[in-house]
């Protein structure tokens, strides 16, 4: 079993020029935890729910904090995303996917095609668990 067998292909992405607020809305509406950041079709980063928790959404207690949060929400996703994104190809075997998720402490890996970093899918730990569950049945 490889990445092409288990990846999510119905992708939701955000353009590199999007604001954090726009990305937050997309993630909330689509109920997703990982959002690839793209330039055209090339993946240039990943934004996760963990990244968004880091901006202090739950810490708003006064107007100064609220103003700081508003400024962060207006910033570009490129300011918050993980830019050193680890990608895999569609032929990457399940054992390698699991190794990367565990060793790098990741929860999702973008699947890209060729040297162009063209995003064709995403494999999350949930996809891996679903695939393993099917194998056990």
C-alpha atoms as a PDB file:
ATOM      1  CA  UNK A   1       0.000   0.000   0.000  1.00  0.00           C
ATOM      2  CA  UNK A   2       1.340   3.449  -0.879  1.00  0.00           C
ATOM      3  CA  UNK A   3       0.418   7.135  -0.640  1.00  0.00           C
ATOM      4  CA  UNK A   4      -1.676   7.066  -3.825  1.00  0.00           C
ATOM      5  CA  UNK A   5      -3.851   4.351  -2.275  1.00  0.00           C
ATOM      6  CA  UNK A   6      -4.737   6.293   0.874  1.00  0.00           C
ATOM      7  CA  UNK A   7      -4.306  10.001   0.142  1.00  0.00           C
ATOM      8  CA  UNK A   8      -7.115  12.507   0.216  1.00  0.00           C
ATOM      9  CA  UNK A   9      -7.486  13.895  -3.289  1.00  0.00           C
ATOM     10  CA  UNK A  10     -10.395  16.279  -2.756  1.00  0.00           C
ATOM     11  CA  UNK A  11      -8.022  18.997  -1.628  1.00  0.00           C
ATOM     12  CA  UNK A  12      -8.703  22.237   0.127  1.00  0.00           C
ATOM     13  CA  UNK A  13      -5.814  24.675  -0.209  1.00  0.00           C
ATOM     14  CA  UNK A  14      -5.119  28.316   0.409  1.00  0.00           C
ATOM     15  CA  UNK A  15      -3.107  30.683  -1.766  1.00  0.00           C
ATOM     16  CA  UNK A  16       0.062  32.151  -0.292  1.00  0.00           C
ATOM     17  CA  UNK A  17      -1.521  35.628  -0.376  1.00  0.00           C
ATOM     18  CA  UNK A  18      -4.420  34.604   1.890  1.00  0.00           C
ATOM     19  CA  UNK A  19      -4.679  36.036   5.373  1.00  0.00           C
ATOM     20  CA  UNK A  20      -4.616  33.965   8.519  1.00  0.00           C
ATOM     21  CA  UNK A  21      -8.244  34.966   9.074  1.00  0.00           C
ATOM     22  CA  UNK A  22      -9.210  33.591   5.648  1.00  0.00           C
ATOM     23  CA  UNK A  23      -7.342  30.351   6.337  1.00  0.00           C
ATOM     24  CA  UNK A  24      -9.001  30.014   9.740  1.00  0.00           C
ATOM     25  CA  UNK A  25     -12.428  30.413   8.151  1.00  0.00           C
ATOM     26  CA  UNK A  26     -11.673  27.789   5.475  1.00  0.00           C
ATOM     27  CA  UNK A  27     -10.425  25.317   8.060  1.00  0.00           C
ATOM     28  CA  UNK A  28     -13.455  25.914  10.238  1.00  0.00           C
ATOM     29  CA  UNK A  29     -15.987  25.655   7.394  1.00  0.00           C
ATOM     30  CA  UNK A  30     -14.407  22.527   5.911  1.00  0.00           C
ATOM     31  CA  UNK A  31     -13.681  21.026   9.346  1.00  0.00           C
ATOM     32  CA  UNK A  32     -10.069  20.277   8.472  1.00  0.00           C
ATOM     33  CA  UNK A  33      -6.899  20.439  10.549  1.00  0.00           C
ATOM     34  CA  UNK A  34      -4.290  20.756   7.781  1.00  0.00           C
ATOM     35  CA  UNK A  35      -4.266  23.340   5.026  1.00  0.00           C
ATOM     36  CA  UNK A  36      -1.621  23.244   2.288  1.00  0.00           C
ATOM     37  CA  UNK A  37      -0.404  26.686   1.245  1.00  0.00           C
ATOM     38  CA  UNK A  38       0.175  26.891  -2.497  1.00  0.00           C
ATOM     39  CA  UNK A  39       1.683  29.130  -5.120  1.00  0.00           C
ATOM     40  CA  UNK A  40      -0.268  28.112  -8.195  1.00  0.00           C
ATOM     41  CA  UNK A  41      -0.203  24.305  -7.966  1.00  0.00           C
ATOM     42  CA  UNK A  42       3.099  24.161  -6.048  1.00  0.00           C
ATOM     43  CA  UNK A  43       2.935  23.450  -2.330  1.00  0.00           C
ATOM     44  CA  UNK A  44       5.102  25.923  -0.421  1.00  0.00           C
ATOM     45  CA  UNK A  45       3.952  25.280   3.128  1.00  0.00           C
ATOM     46  CA  UNK A  46       1.471  23.761   5.531  1.00  0.00           C
ATOM     47  CA  UNK A  47      -0.798  25.461   8.015  1.00  0.00           C
ATOM     48  CA  UNK A  48      -2.163  23.333  10.835  1.00  0.00           C
ATOM     49  CA  UNK A  49      -4.582  23.758  13.677  1.00  0.00           C
ATOM     50  CA  UNK A  50      -1.494  23.691  15.903  1.00  0.00           C
ATOM     51  CA  UNK A  51      -0.105  26.756  14.098  1.00  0.00           C
ATOM     52  CA  UNK A  52      -3.386  28.583  14.619  1.00  0.00           C
ATOM     53  CA  UNK A  53      -3.529  27.740  18.318  1.00  0.00           C
ATOM     54  CA  UNK A  54      -0.195  29.473  18.632  1.00  0.00           C
ATOM     55  CA  UNK A  55      -1.585  32.902  17.763  1.00  0.00           C
ATOM     56  CA  UNK A  56      -3.516  33.265  21.008  1.00  0.00           C
ATOM     57  CA  UNK A  57      -7.156  32.826  20.024  1.00  0.00           C
ATOM     58  CA  UNK A  58      -8.024  31.565  23.495  1.00  0.00           C
ATOM     59  CA  UNK A  59      -6.042  34.252  25.331  1.00  0.00           C
ATOM     60  CA  UNK A  60      -8.108  37.339  24.473  1.00  0.00           C
ATOM     61  CA  UNK A  61      -8.777  38.953  27.821  1.00  0.00           C
ATOM     62  CA  UNK A  62      -8.431  42.676  27.134  1.00  0.00           C
ATOM     63  CA  UNK A  63      -8.544  45.179  24.274  1.00  0.00           C
ATOM     64  CA  UNK A  64      -4.773  45.277  23.803  1.00  0.00           C
ATOM     65  CA  UNK A  65      -4.693  41.510  23.370  1.00  0.00           C
ATOM     66  CA  UNK A  66      -7.658  41.719  21.006  1.00  0.00           C
ATOM     67  CA  UNK A  67      -5.844  44.330  18.877  1.00  0.00           C
ATOM     68  CA  UNK A  68      -2.773  42.100  18.714  1.00  0.00           C
ATOM     69  CA  UNK A  69      -4.921  39.159  17.669  1.00  0.00           C
ATOM     70  CA  UNK A  70      -6.633  41.220  14.962  1.00  0.00           C
ATOM     71  CA  UNK A  71      -3.233  42.186  13.556  1.00  0.00           C
ATOM     72  CA  UNK A  72      -2.164  38.538  13.508  1.00  0.00           C
ATOM     73  CA  UNK A  73      -5.379  37.538  11.726  1.00  0.00           C
ATOM     74  CA  UNK A  74      -4.686  40.141   9.022  1.00  0.00           C
ATOM     75  CA  UNK A  75      -1.167  38.814   8.433  1.00  0.00           C
ATOM     76  CA  UNK A  76      -0.413  36.457   5.538  1.00  0.00           C
ATOM     77  CA  UNK A  77      -0.485  32.707   5.982  1.00  0.00           C
ATOM     78  CA  UNK A  78       3.144  32.654   4.897  1.00  0.00           C
ATOM     79  CA  UNK A  79       4.005  34.356   8.212  1.00  0.00           C
ATOM     80  CA  UNK A  80       2.489  31.486  10.199  1.00  0.00           C
ATOM     81  CA  UNK A  81       2.832  28.359   8.042  1.00  0.00           C
ATOM     82  CA  UNK A  82       5.555  25.758   8.290  1.00  0.00           C
ATOM     83  CA  UNK A  83       7.654  26.485   5.220  1.00  0.00           C
ATOM     84  CA  UNK A  84      10.077  23.590   5.544  1.00  0.00           C
ATOM     85  CA  UNK A  85       7.360  21.199   4.491  1.00  0.00           C
ATOM     86  CA  UNK A  86       8.242  17.538   4.056  1.00  0.00           C
ATOM     87  CA  UNK A  87       6.510  16.064   1.018  1.00  0.00           C
ATOM     88  CA  UNK A  88       6.093  12.562  -0.328  1.00  0.00           C
ATOM     89  CA  UNK A  89       5.413  11.123  -3.755  1.00  0.00           C
ATOM     90  CA  UNK A  90       2.385   9.019  -4.677  1.00  0.00           C
ATOM     91  CA  UNK A  91       4.551   5.880  -4.706  1.00  0.00           C
ATOM     92  CA  UNK A  92       5.800   6.336  -1.119  1.00  0.00           C
ATOM     93  CA  UNK A  93       5.154   3.121   0.800  1.00  0.00           C
ATOM     94  CA  UNK A  94       3.029   3.029   3.955  1.00  0.00           C
ATOM     95  CA  UNK A  95       5.976   2.078   6.180  1.00  0.00           C
ATOM     96  CA  UNK A  96       7.907   5.171   5.040  1.00  0.00           C
ATOM     97  CA  UNK A  97       4.844   7.375   5.567  1.00  0.00           C
ATOM     98  CA  UNK A  98       4.477   6.088   9.120  1.00  0.00           C
ATOM     99  CA  UNK A  99       8.196   6.550   9.779  1.00  0.00           C
ATOM    100  CA  UNK A 100       8.044  10.182   8.584  1.00  0.00           C
ATOM    101  CA  UNK A 101       4.938  10.975  10.617  1.00  0.00           C
ATOM    102  CA  UNK A 102       6.507   9.548  13.762  1.00  0.00           C
ATOM    103  CA  UNK A 103      10.105  10.714  13.339  1.00  0.00           C
ATOM    104  CA  UNK A 104       9.236  14.235  12.248  1.00  0.00           C
ATOM    105  CA  UNK A 105       6.252  14.501  14.648  1.00  0.00           C
ATOM    106  CA  UNK A 106       3.929  15.414  11.780  1.00  0.00           C
ATOM    107  CA  UNK A 107       0.233  14.859  11.439  1.00  0.00           C
ATOM    108  CA  UNK A 108       0.010  15.198   7.648  1.00  0.00           C
ATOM    109  CA  UNK A 109       2.191  14.983   4.561  1.00  0.00           C
ATOM    110  CA  UNK A 110       1.460  16.688   1.228  1.00  0.00           C
ATOM    111  CA  UNK A 111       1.689  14.329  -1.741  1.00  0.00           C
ATOM    112  CA  UNK A 112       3.404  15.945  -4.728  1.00  0.00           C
ATOM    113  CA  UNK A 113       4.118  14.823  -8.247  1.00  0.00           C
ATOM    114  CA  UNK A 114       7.493  15.169  -9.905  1.00  0.00           C
ATOM    115  CA  UNK A 115      10.092  17.837  -9.313  1.00  0.00           C
ATOM    116  CA  UNK A 116       7.540  20.633  -9.606  1.00  0.00           C
ATOM    117  CA  UNK A 117       6.045  20.111  -6.124  1.00  0.00           C
ATOM    118  CA  UNK A 118       2.604  19.992  -7.764  1.00  0.00           C
ATOM    119  CA  UNK A 119       0.187  19.081  -5.008  1.00  0.00           C
ATOM    120  CA  UNK A 120      -1.945  16.044  -5.839  1.00  0.00           C
ATOM    121  CA  UNK A 121      -3.056  14.882  -2.397  1.00  0.00           C
ATOM    122  CA  UNK A 122      -2.466  14.808   1.321  1.00  0.00           C
ATOM    123  CA  UNK A 123      -1.945  11.905   3.699  1.00  0.00           C
ATOM    124  CA  UNK A 124      -2.810  12.494   7.338  1.00  0.00           C
ATOM    125  CA  UNK A 125      -2.423  10.188  10.283  1.00  0.00           C
ATOM    126  CA  UNK A 126      -6.193   9.663  10.060  1.00  0.00           C
ATOM    127  CA  UNK A 127      -5.810   8.345   6.490  1.00  0.00           C
ATOM    128  CA  UNK A 128      -3.141   5.933   7.743  1.00  0.00           C
ATOM    129  CA  UNK A 129      -5.363   4.731  10.581  1.00  0.00           C
ATOM    130  CA  UNK A 130      -8.309   4.190   8.219  1.00  0.00           C
ATOM    131  CA  UNK A 131      -6.115   2.179   5.870  1.00  0.00           C
ATOM    132  CA  UNK A 132      -4.734   0.080   8.703  1.00  0.00           C
ATOM    133  CA  UNK A 133      -8.238  -0.522  10.055  1.00  0.00           C
ATOM    134  CA  UNK A 134      -9.365  -1.792   6.648  1.00  0.00           C
ATOM    135  CA  UNK A 135      -6.373  -4.144   6.549  1.00  0.00           C
ATOM    136  CA  UNK A 136      -7.348  -5.563   9.945  1.00  0.00           C
ATOM    137  CA  UNK A 137     -10.947  -6.301   8.966  1.00  0.00           C
END
